[in-house]
Amino acid sequence: MPVREHQEDAPMEASLDLQLLLPNGSRVYGAEVYRFVMRKIWWTYPLYLLSLVPLARGIFDRCYRIFANNRYHFSRVCGLTPDADSDAKR
């Protein structure tokens, strides 16, 4: 099933976050996507473990939220321009 068909099922607030659609149809959102990926790559596994410690987890989640809320600013500073499709969603 194409990813677009799964996007329609996502809650509205989740559509603003990074999403990972798993083969079983479940989704992972936001900072949890980074944790999922870090858990799978051997050299990032220590960072994954660190991101599970309560204090570090809060910092990790907060840093993700700041980046996610300002992703268009980061893109602009890096000289990247969003495509017309993403402009319409903002």
PDB file of N, CA and C in Angstrom:
ATOM      1  N   MET A   1       0.851  -1.181   0.000  1.00  0.00           N
ATOM      2  CA  MET A   1       0.000   0.000   0.000  1.00  0.00           C
ATOM      3  C   MET A   1       0.895   1.242   0.000  1.00  0.00           C
ATOM      4  N   PRO A   2       0.643   2.193  -0.882  1.00  0.00           N
ATOM      5  CA  PRO A   2       1.466   3.409  -0.938  1.00  0.00           C
ATOM      6  C   PRO A   2       1.387   4.218   0.363  1.00  0.00           C
ATOM      7  N   VAL A   3       2.453   4.932   0.635  1.00  0.00           N
ATOM      8  CA  VAL A   3       2.535   5.740   1.855  1.00  0.00           C
ATOM      9  C   VAL A   3       1.444   6.799   1.889  1.00  0.00           C
ATOM     10  N   ARG A   4       1.130   7.400   0.753  1.00  0.00           N
ATOM     11  CA  ARG A   4       0.095   8.453   0.709  1.00  0.00           C
ATOM     12  C   ARG A   4      -1.229   7.971   1.287  1.00  0.00           C
ATOM     13  N   GLU A   5      -1.571   6.721   1.053  1.00  0.00           N
ATOM     14  CA  GLU A   5      -2.819   6.191   1.586  1.00  0.00           C
ATOM     15  C   GLU A   5      -2.784   6.120   3.113  1.00  0.00           C
ATOM     16  N   HIS A   6      -1.616   5.872   3.675  1.00  0.00           N
ATOM     17  CA  HIS A   6      -1.472   5.828   5.130  1.00  0.00           C
ATOM     18  C   HIS A   6      -1.479   7.219   5.742  1.00  0.00           C
ATOM     19  N   GLN A   7      -1.055   8.228   4.991  1.00  0.00           N
ATOM     20  CA  GLN A   7      -1.000   9.584   5.520  1.00  0.00           C
ATOM     21  C   GLN A   7      -2.381  10.097   5.885  1.00  0.00           C
ATOM     22  N   GLU A   8      -3.385   9.679   5.155  1.00  0.00           N
ATOM     23  CA  GLU A   8      -4.737  10.150   5.424  1.00  0.00           C
ATOM     24  C   GLU A   8      -5.247   9.664   6.772  1.00  0.00           C
ATOM     25  N   ASP A   9      -4.681   8.568   7.289  1.00  0.00           N
ATOM     26  CA  ASP A   9      -5.099   8.012   8.573  1.00  0.00           C
ATOM     27  C   ASP A   9      -4.425   8.699   9.753  1.00  0.00           C
ATOM     28  N   ALA A  10      -3.386   9.477   9.495  1.00  0.00           N
ATOM     29  CA  ALA A  10      -2.597  10.080  10.574  1.00  0.00           C
ATOM     30  C   ALA A  10      -3.356  11.237  11.221  1.00  0.00           C
ATOM     31  N   PRO A  11      -3.209  11.378  12.555  1.00  0.00           N
ATOM     32  CA  PRO A  11      -3.814  12.538  13.217  1.00  0.00           C
ATOM     33  C   PRO A  11      -3.189  13.831  12.690  1.00  0.00           C
ATOM     34  N   MET A  12      -3.942  14.927  12.691  1.00  0.00           N
ATOM     35  CA  MET A  12      -3.488  16.196  12.121  1.00  0.00           C
ATOM     36  C   MET A  12      -2.196  16.687  12.760  1.00  0.00           C
ATOM     37  N   GLU A  13      -2.081  16.634  14.095  1.00  0.00           N
ATOM     38  CA  GLU A  13      -0.866  17.136  14.736  1.00  0.00           C
ATOM     39  C   GLU A  13       0.344  16.292  14.368  1.00  0.00           C
ATOM     40  N   ALA A  14       0.142  15.013  14.097  1.00  0.00           N
ATOM     41  CA  ALA A  14       1.251  14.141  13.717  1.00  0.00           C
ATOM     42  C   ALA A  14       1.736  14.447  12.310  1.00  0.00           C
ATOM     43  N   SER A  15       0.890  15.020  11.478  1.00  0.00           N
ATOM     44  CA  SER A  15       1.295  15.293  10.105  1.00  0.00           C
ATOM     45  C   SER A  15       2.379  16.369  10.041  1.00  0.00           C
ATOM     46  N   LEU A  16       2.568  17.116  11.108  1.00  0.00           N
ATOM     47  CA  LEU A  16       3.610  18.139  11.138  1.00  0.00           C
ATOM     48  C   LEU A  16       4.956  17.572  11.587  1.00  0.00           C
ATOM     49  N   ASP A  17       4.944  16.376  12.152  1.00  0.00           N
ATOM     50  CA  ASP A  17       6.165  15.745  12.646  1.00  0.00           C
ATOM     51  C   ASP A  17       6.726  14.767  11.626  1.00  0.00           C
ATOM     52  N   LEU A  18       7.993  14.443  11.838  1.00  0.00           N
ATOM     53  CA  LEU A  18       8.632  13.389  11.083  1.00  0.00           C
ATOM     54  C   LEU A  18       7.893  12.090  11.393  1.00  0.00           C
ATOM     55  N   GLN A  19       7.615  11.296  10.370  1.00  0.00           N
ATOM     56  CA  GLN A  19       6.897  10.037  10.560  1.00  0.00           C
ATOM     57  C   GLN A  19       7.661   8.902   9.913  1.00  0.00           C
ATOM     58  N   LEU A  20       7.568   7.726  10.535  1.00  0.00           N
ATOM     59  CA  LEU A  20       8.142   6.513   9.971  1.00  0.00           C
ATOM     60  C   LEU A  20       7.037   5.476   9.937  1.00  0.00           C
ATOM     61  N   LEU A  21       6.735   4.995   8.750  1.00  0.00           N
ATOM     62  CA  LEU A  21       5.718   3.968   8.572  1.00  0.00           C
ATOM     63  C   LEU A  21       6.424   2.622   8.572  1.00  0.00           C
ATOM     64  N   LEU A  22       6.085   1.774   9.527  1.00  0.00           N
ATOM     65  CA  LEU A  22       6.722   0.469   9.661  1.00  0.00           C
ATOM     66  C   LEU A  22       6.019  -0.558   8.775  1.00  0.00           C
ATOM     67  N   PRO A  23       6.702  -1.651   8.434  1.00  0.00           N
ATOM     68  CA  PRO A  23       6.101  -2.667   7.561  1.00  0.00           C
ATOM     69  C   PRO A  23       4.778  -3.240   8.082  1.00  0.00           C
ATOM     70  N   ASN A  24       4.595  -3.254   9.401  1.00  0.00           N
ATOM     71  CA  ASN A  24       3.356  -3.799   9.955  1.00  0.00           C
ATOM     72  C   ASN A  24       2.216  -2.784   9.938  1.00  0.00           C
ATOM     73  N   GLY A  25       2.469  -1.575   9.403  1.00  0.00           N
ATOM     74  CA  GLY A  25       1.433  -0.557   9.298  1.00  0.00           C
ATOM     75  C   GLY A  25       1.403   0.434  10.445  1.00  0.00           C
ATOM     76  N   SER A  26       2.149   0.165  11.508  1.00  0.00           N
ATOM     77  CA  SER A  26       2.183   1.115  12.627  1.00  0.00           C
ATOM     78  C   SER A  26       3.109   2.278  12.282  1.00  0.00           C
ATOM     79  N   ARG A  27       2.961   3.351  13.035  1.00  0.00           N
ATOM     80  CA  ARG A  27       3.754   4.559  12.790  1.00  0.00           C
ATOM     81  C   ARG A  27       4.557   4.932  14.028  1.00  0.00           C
ATOM     82  N   VAL A  28       5.670   5.585  13.751  1.00  0.00           N
ATOM     83  CA  VAL A  28       6.500   6.167  14.803  1.00  0.00           C
ATOM     84  C   VAL A  28       6.609   7.647  14.435  1.00  0.00           C
ATOM     85  N   TYR A  29       6.480   8.532  15.431  1.00  0.00           N
ATOM     86  CA  TYR A  29       6.455   9.976  15.187  1.00  0.00           C
ATOM     87  C   TYR A  29       7.574  10.707  15.921  1.00  0.00           C
ATOM     88  N   GLY A  30       7.970  11.846  15.366  1.00  0.00           N
ATOM     89  CA  GLY A  30       8.838  12.793  16.050  1.00  0.00           C
ATOM     90  C   GLY A  30      10.180  12.243  16.460  1.00  0.00           C
ATOM     91  N   ALA A  31      10.569  12.552  17.677  1.00  0.00           N
ATOM     92  CA  ALA A  31      11.874  12.147  18.199  1.00  0.00           C
ATOM     93  C   ALA A  31      12.003  10.633  18.255  1.00  0.00           C
ATOM     94  N   GLU A  32      10.886   9.932  18.368  1.00  0.00           N
ATOM     95  CA  GLU A  32      10.917   8.461  18.408  1.00  0.00           C
ATOM     96  C   GLU A  32      11.442   7.874  17.098  1.00  0.00           C
ATOM     97  N   VAL A  33      11.283   8.591  15.994  1.00  0.00           N
ATOM     98  CA  VAL A  33      11.833   8.133  14.713  1.00  0.00           C
ATOM     99  C   VAL A  33      13.354   8.092  14.810  1.00  0.00           C
ATOM    100  N   TYR A  34      13.942   9.142  15.369  1.00  0.00           N
ATOM    101  CA  TYR A  34      15.398   9.157  15.528  1.00  0.00           C
ATOM    102  C   TYR A  34      15.859   8.053  16.460  1.00  0.00           C
ATOM    103  N   ARG A  35      15.126   7.819  17.541  1.00  0.00           N
ATOM    104  CA  ARG A  35      15.487   6.718  18.447  1.00  0.00           C
ATOM    105  C   ARG A  35      15.407   5.376  17.725  1.00  0.00           C
ATOM    106  N   PHE A  36      14.374   5.193  16.919  1.00  0.00           N
ATOM    107  CA  PHE A  36      14.202   3.952  16.168  1.00  0.00           C
ATOM    108  C   PHE A  36      15.411   3.723  15.255  1.00  0.00           C
ATOM    109  N   VAL A  37      15.815   4.753  14.523  1.00  0.00           N
ATOM    110  CA  VAL A  37      16.938   4.641  13.591  1.00  0.00           C
ATOM    111  C   VAL A  37      18.247   4.432  14.350  1.00  0.00           C
ATOM    112  N   MET A  38      18.453   5.187  15.433  1.00  0.00           N
ATOM    113  CA  MET A  38      19.694   5.043  16.212  1.00  0.00           C
ATOM    114  C   MET A  38      19.815   3.637  16.798  1.00  0.00           C
ATOM    115  N   ARG A  39      18.691   3.029  17.105  1.00  0.00           N
ATOM    116  CA  ARG A  39      18.698   1.673  17.660  1.00  0.00           C
ATOM    117  C   ARG A  39      19.154   0.659  16.606  1.00  0.00           C
ATOM    118  N   LYS A  40      18.954   0.962  15.335  1.00  0.00           N
ATOM    119  CA  LYS A  40      19.276   0.029  14.248  1.00  0.00           C
ATOM    120  C   LYS A  40      20.699   0.154  13.708  1.00  0.00           C
ATOM    121  N   ILE A  41      21.358   1.293  13.945  1.00  0.00           N
ATOM    122  CA  ILE A  41      22.708   1.523  13.421  1.00  0.00           C
ATOM    123  C   ILE A  41      23.708   1.322  14.558  1.00  0.00           C
ATOM    124  N   TRP A  42      24.648   0.420  14.349  1.00  0.00           N
ATOM    125  CA  TRP A  42      25.538   0.022  15.443  1.00  0.00           C
ATOM    126  C   TRP A  42      26.287   1.182  16.073  1.00  0.00           C
ATOM    127  N   TRP A  43      26.773   2.121  15.266  1.00  0.00           N
ATOM    128  CA  TRP A  43      27.590   3.205  15.834  1.00  0.00           C
ATOM    129  C   TRP A  43      26.756   4.306  16.484  1.00  0.00           C
ATOM    130  N   THR A  44      25.433   4.300  16.286  1.00  0.00           N
ATOM    131  CA  THR A  44      24.576   5.270  16.971  1.00  0.00           C
ATOM    132  C   THR A  44      23.851   4.651  18.164  1.00  0.00           C
ATOM    133  N   TYR A  45      24.048   3.352  18.360  1.00  0.00           N
ATOM    134  CA  TYR A  45      23.369   2.675  19.465  1.00  0.00           C
ATOM    135  C   TYR A  45      23.682   3.302  20.831  1.00  0.00           C
ATOM    136  N   PRO A  46      24.928   3.709  21.108  1.00  0.00           N
ATOM    137  CA  PRO A  46      25.181   4.383  22.396  1.00  0.00           C
ATOM    138  C   PRO A  46      24.362   5.670  22.560  1.00  0.00           C
ATOM    139  N   LEU A  47      24.166   6.426  21.482  1.00  0.00           N
ATOM    140  CA  LEU A  47      23.322   7.626  21.554  1.00  0.00           C
ATOM    141  C   LEU A  47      21.865   7.250  21.821  1.00  0.00           C
ATOM    142  N   TYR A  48      21.432   6.153  21.239  1.00  0.00           N
ATOM    143  CA  TYR A  48      20.078   5.657  21.499  1.00  0.00           C
ATOM    144  C   TYR A  48      19.916   5.368  22.990  1.00  0.00           C
ATOM    145  N   LEU A  49      20.882   4.648  23.565  1.00  0.00           N
ATOM    146  CA  LEU A  49      20.804   4.325  24.995  1.00  0.00           C
ATOM    147  C   LEU A  49      20.795   5.593  25.843  1.00  0.00           C
ATOM    148  N   LEU A  50      21.635   6.550  25.472  1.00  0.00           N
ATOM    149  CA  LEU A  50      21.678   7.815  26.201  1.00  0.00           C
ATOM    150  C   LEU A  50      20.336   8.546  26.097  1.00  0.00           C
ATOM    151  N   SER A  51      19.683   8.463  24.936  1.00  0.00           N
ATOM    152  CA  SER A  51      18.409   9.163  24.754  1.00  0.00           C
ATOM    153  C   SER A  51      17.271   8.540  25.561  1.00  0.00           C
ATOM    154  N   LEU A  52      17.520   7.405  26.185  1.00  0.00           N
ATOM    155  CA  LEU A  52      16.507   6.755  27.022  1.00  0.00           C
ATOM    156  C   LEU A  52      16.594   7.174  28.488  1.00  0.00           C
ATOM    157  N   VAL A  53      17.740   7.709  28.887  1.00  0.00           N
ATOM    158  CA  VAL A  53      17.919   8.171  30.271  1.00  0.00           C
ATOM    159  C   VAL A  53      16.983   9.367  30.483  1.00  0.00           C
ATOM    160  N   PRO A  54      16.218   9.382  31.576  1.00  0.00           N
ATOM    161  CA  PRO A  54      15.181  10.416  31.744  1.00  0.00           C
ATOM    162  C   PRO A  54      15.613  11.861  31.462  1.00  0.00           C
ATOM    163  N   LEU A  55      16.688  12.340  32.045  1.00  0.00           N
ATOM    164  CA  LEU A  55      17.103  13.726  31.817  1.00  0.00           C
ATOM    165  C   LEU A  55      17.512  13.936  30.352  1.00  0.00           C
ATOM    166  N   ALA A  56      18.308  13.013  29.820  1.00  0.00           N
ATOM    167  CA  ALA A  56      18.747  13.123  28.424  1.00  0.00           C
ATOM    168  C   ALA A  56      17.563  12.981  27.472  1.00  0.00           C
ATOM    169  N   ARG A  57      16.578  12.161  27.845  1.00  0.00           N
ATOM    170  CA  ARG A  57      15.387  11.988  27.007  1.00  0.00           C
ATOM    171  C   ARG A  57      14.645  13.316  26.851  1.00  0.00           C
ATOM    172  N   GLY A  58      14.490  14.030  27.943  1.00  0.00           N
ATOM    173  CA  GLY A  58      13.828  15.330  27.898  1.00  0.00           C
ATOM    174  C   GLY A  58      14.573  16.326  27.030  1.00  0.00           C
ATOM    175  N   ILE A  59      15.900  16.336  27.153  1.00  0.00           N
ATOM    176  CA  ILE A  59      16.726  17.238  26.343  1.00  0.00           C
ATOM    177  C   ILE A  59      16.627  16.850  24.867  1.00  0.00           C
ATOM    178  N   PHE A  60      16.718  15.557  24.581  1.00  0.00           N
ATOM    179  CA  PHE A  60      16.631  15.052  23.211  1.00  0.00           C
ATOM    180  C   PHE A  60      15.289  15.428  22.581  1.00  0.00           C
ATOM    181  N   ASP A  61      14.202  15.195  23.321  1.00  0.00           N
ATOM    182  CA  ASP A  61      12.864  15.515  22.819  1.00  0.00           C
ATOM    183  C   ASP A  61      12.701  17.015  22.587  1.00  0.00           C
ATOM    184  N   ARG A  62      13.225  17.812  23.501  1.00  0.00           N
ATOM    185  CA  ARG A  62      13.125  19.273  23.372  1.00  0.00           C
ATOM    186  C   ARG A  62      13.926  19.771  22.163  1.00  0.00           C
ATOM    187  N   CYS A  63      15.117  19.222  21.964  1.00  0.00           N
ATOM    188  CA  CYS A  63      15.928  19.606  20.804  1.00  0.00           C
ATOM    189  C   CYS A  63      15.223  19.222  19.506  1.00  0.00           C
ATOM    190  N   TYR A  64      14.609  18.032  19.476  1.00  0.00           N
ATOM    191  CA  TYR A  64      13.854  17.641  18.282  1.00  0.00           C
ATOM    192  C   TYR A  64      12.724  18.635  18.028  1.00  0.00           C
ATOM    193  N   ARG A  65      11.989  18.999  19.078  1.00  0.00           N
ATOM    194  CA  ARG A  65      10.836  19.895  18.920  1.00  0.00           C
ATOM    195  C   ARG A  65      11.286  21.263  18.401  1.00  0.00           C
ATOM    196  N   ILE A  66      12.395  21.795  18.932  1.00  0.00           N
ATOM    197  CA  ILE A  66      12.914  23.085  18.468  1.00  0.00           C
ATOM    198  C   ILE A  66      13.282  22.993  16.989  1.00  0.00           C
ATOM    199  N   PHE A  67      13.979  21.918  16.620  1.00  0.00           N
ATOM    200  CA  PHE A  67      14.360  21.752  15.216  1.00  0.00           C
ATOM    201  C   PHE A  67      13.120  21.610  14.331  1.00  0.00           C
ATOM    202  N   ALA A  68      12.166  20.784  14.744  1.00  0.00           N
ATOM    203  CA  ALA A  68      10.959  20.554  13.942  1.00  0.00           C
ATOM    204  C   ALA A  68      10.158  21.839  13.765  1.00  0.00           C
ATOM    205  N   ASN A  69      10.048  22.616  14.826  1.00  0.00           N
ATOM    206  CA  ASN A  69       9.279  23.865  14.736  1.00  0.00           C
ATOM    207  C   ASN A  69       9.958  24.922  13.878  1.00  0.00           C
ATOM    208  N   ASN A  70      11.264  24.791  13.696  1.00  0.00           N
ATOM    209  CA  ASN A  70      12.032  25.791  12.942  1.00  0.00           C
ATOM    210  C   ASN A  70      12.692  25.211  11.695  1.00  0.00           C
ATOM    211  N   ARG A  71      12.192  24.088  11.203  1.00  0.00           N
ATOM    212  CA  ARG A  71      12.852  23.417  10.075  1.00  0.00           C
ATOM    213  C   ARG A  71      12.925  24.287   8.833  1.00  0.00           C
ATOM    214  N   TYR A  72      11.943  25.139   8.604  1.00  0.00           N
ATOM    215  CA  TYR A  72      11.993  26.006   7.427  1.00  0.00           C
ATOM    216  C   TYR A  72      13.058  27.090   7.598  1.00  0.00           C
ATOM    217  N   HIS A  73      13.277  27.537   8.821  1.00  0.00           N
ATOM    218  CA  HIS A  73      14.338  28.515   9.074  1.00  0.00           C
ATOM    219  C   HIS A  73      15.704  27.882   8.844  1.00  0.00           C
ATOM    220  N   PHE A  74      15.877  26.641   9.323  1.00  0.00           N
ATOM    221  CA  PHE A  74      17.139  25.938   9.106  1.00  0.00           C
ATOM    222  C   PHE A  74      17.383  25.758   7.611  1.00  0.00           C
ATOM    223  N   SER A  75      16.348  25.392   6.868  1.00  0.00           N
ATOM    224  CA  SER A  75      16.489  25.206   5.425  1.00  0.00           C
ATOM    225  C   SER A  75      16.889  26.499   4.739  1.00  0.00           C
ATOM    226  N   ARG A  76      16.279  27.595   5.137  1.00  0.00           N
ATOM    227  CA  ARG A  76      16.575  28.892   4.532  1.00  0.00           C
ATOM    228  C   ARG A  76      18.030  29.280   4.804  1.00  0.00           C
ATOM    229  N   VAL A  77      18.488  29.098   6.038  1.00  0.00           N
ATOM    230  CA  VAL A  77      19.869  29.438   6.396  1.00  0.00           C
ATOM    231  C   VAL A  77      20.852  28.584   5.597  1.00  0.00           C
ATOM    232  N   CYS A  78      20.474  27.329   5.335  1.00  0.00           N
ATOM    233  CA  CYS A  78      21.347  26.430   4.577  1.00  0.00           C
ATOM    234  C   CYS A  78      21.242  26.646   3.069  1.00  0.00           C
ATOM    235  N   GLY A  79      20.370  27.570   2.653  1.00  0.00           N
ATOM    236  CA  GLY A  79      20.229  27.855   1.239  1.00  0.00           C
ATOM    237  C   GLY A  79      19.311  26.889   0.510  1.00  0.00           C
ATOM    238  N   LEU A  80      18.528  26.130   1.252  1.00  0.00           N
ATOM    239  CA  LEU A  80      17.592  25.184   0.639  1.00  0.00           C
ATOM    240  C   LEU A  80      16.233  25.847   0.499  1.00  0.00           C
ATOM    241  N   THR A  81      15.568  25.592  -0.582  1.00  0.00           N
ATOM    242  CA  THR A  81      14.238  26.154  -0.777  1.00  0.00           C
ATOM    243  C   THR A  81      13.226  25.026  -0.756  1.00  0.00           C
ATOM    244  N   PRO A  82      12.122  25.209  -0.025  1.00  0.00           N
ATOM    245  CA  PRO A  82      11.095  24.158   0.008  1.00  0.00           C
ATOM    246  C   PRO A  82      10.386  24.073  -1.336  1.00  0.00           C
ATOM    247  N   ASP A  83       9.899  22.894  -1.663  1.00  0.00           N
ATOM    248  CA  ASP A  83       9.157  22.756  -2.917  1.00  0.00           C
ATOM    249  C   ASP A  83       7.759  23.365  -2.762  1.00  0.00           C
ATOM    250  N   ALA A  84       7.089  23.550  -3.857  1.00  0.00           N
ATOM    251  CA  ALA A  84       5.776  24.215  -3.835  1.00  0.00           C
ATOM    252  C   ALA A  84       4.777  23.438  -3.024  1.00  0.00           C
ATOM    253  N   ASP A  85       4.883  22.117  -3.006  1.00  0.00           N
ATOM    254  CA  ASP A  85       3.954  21.271  -2.259  1.00  0.00           C
ATOM    255  C   ASP A  85       4.059  21.515  -0.761  1.00  0.00           C
ATOM    256  N   SER A  86       5.286  21.662  -0.237  1.00  0.00           N
ATOM    257  CA  SER A  86       5.454  21.885   1.198  1.00  0.00           C
ATOM    258  C   SER A  86       5.067  23.321   1.583  1.00  0.00           C
ATOM    259  N   ASP A  87       5.201  24.283   0.650  1.00  0.00           N
ATOM    260  CA  ASP A  87       4.766  25.656   0.928  1.00  0.00           C
ATOM    261  C   ASP A  87       3.264  25.713   1.181  1.00  0.00           C
ATOM    262  N   ALA A  88       2.524  24.933   0.440  1.00  0.00           N
ATOM    263  CA  ALA A  88       1.072  24.942   0.577  1.00  0.00           C
ATOM    264  C   ALA A  88       0.634  24.374   1.921  1.00  0.00           C
ATOM    265  N   LYS A  89       1.445  23.521   2.523  1.00  0.00           N
ATOM    266  CA  LYS A  89       1.090  22.886   3.795  1.00  0.00           C
ATOM    267  C   LYS A  89       1.371  23.782   4.995  1.00  0.00           C
ATOM    268  N   ARG A  90       2.227  24.797   4.826  1.00  0.00           N
ATOM    269  CA  ARG A  90       2.596  25.658   5.957  1.00  0.00           C
ATOM    270  C   ARG A  90       1.510  26.575   6.336  1.00  0.00           C
TER     271      ARG A  90
END
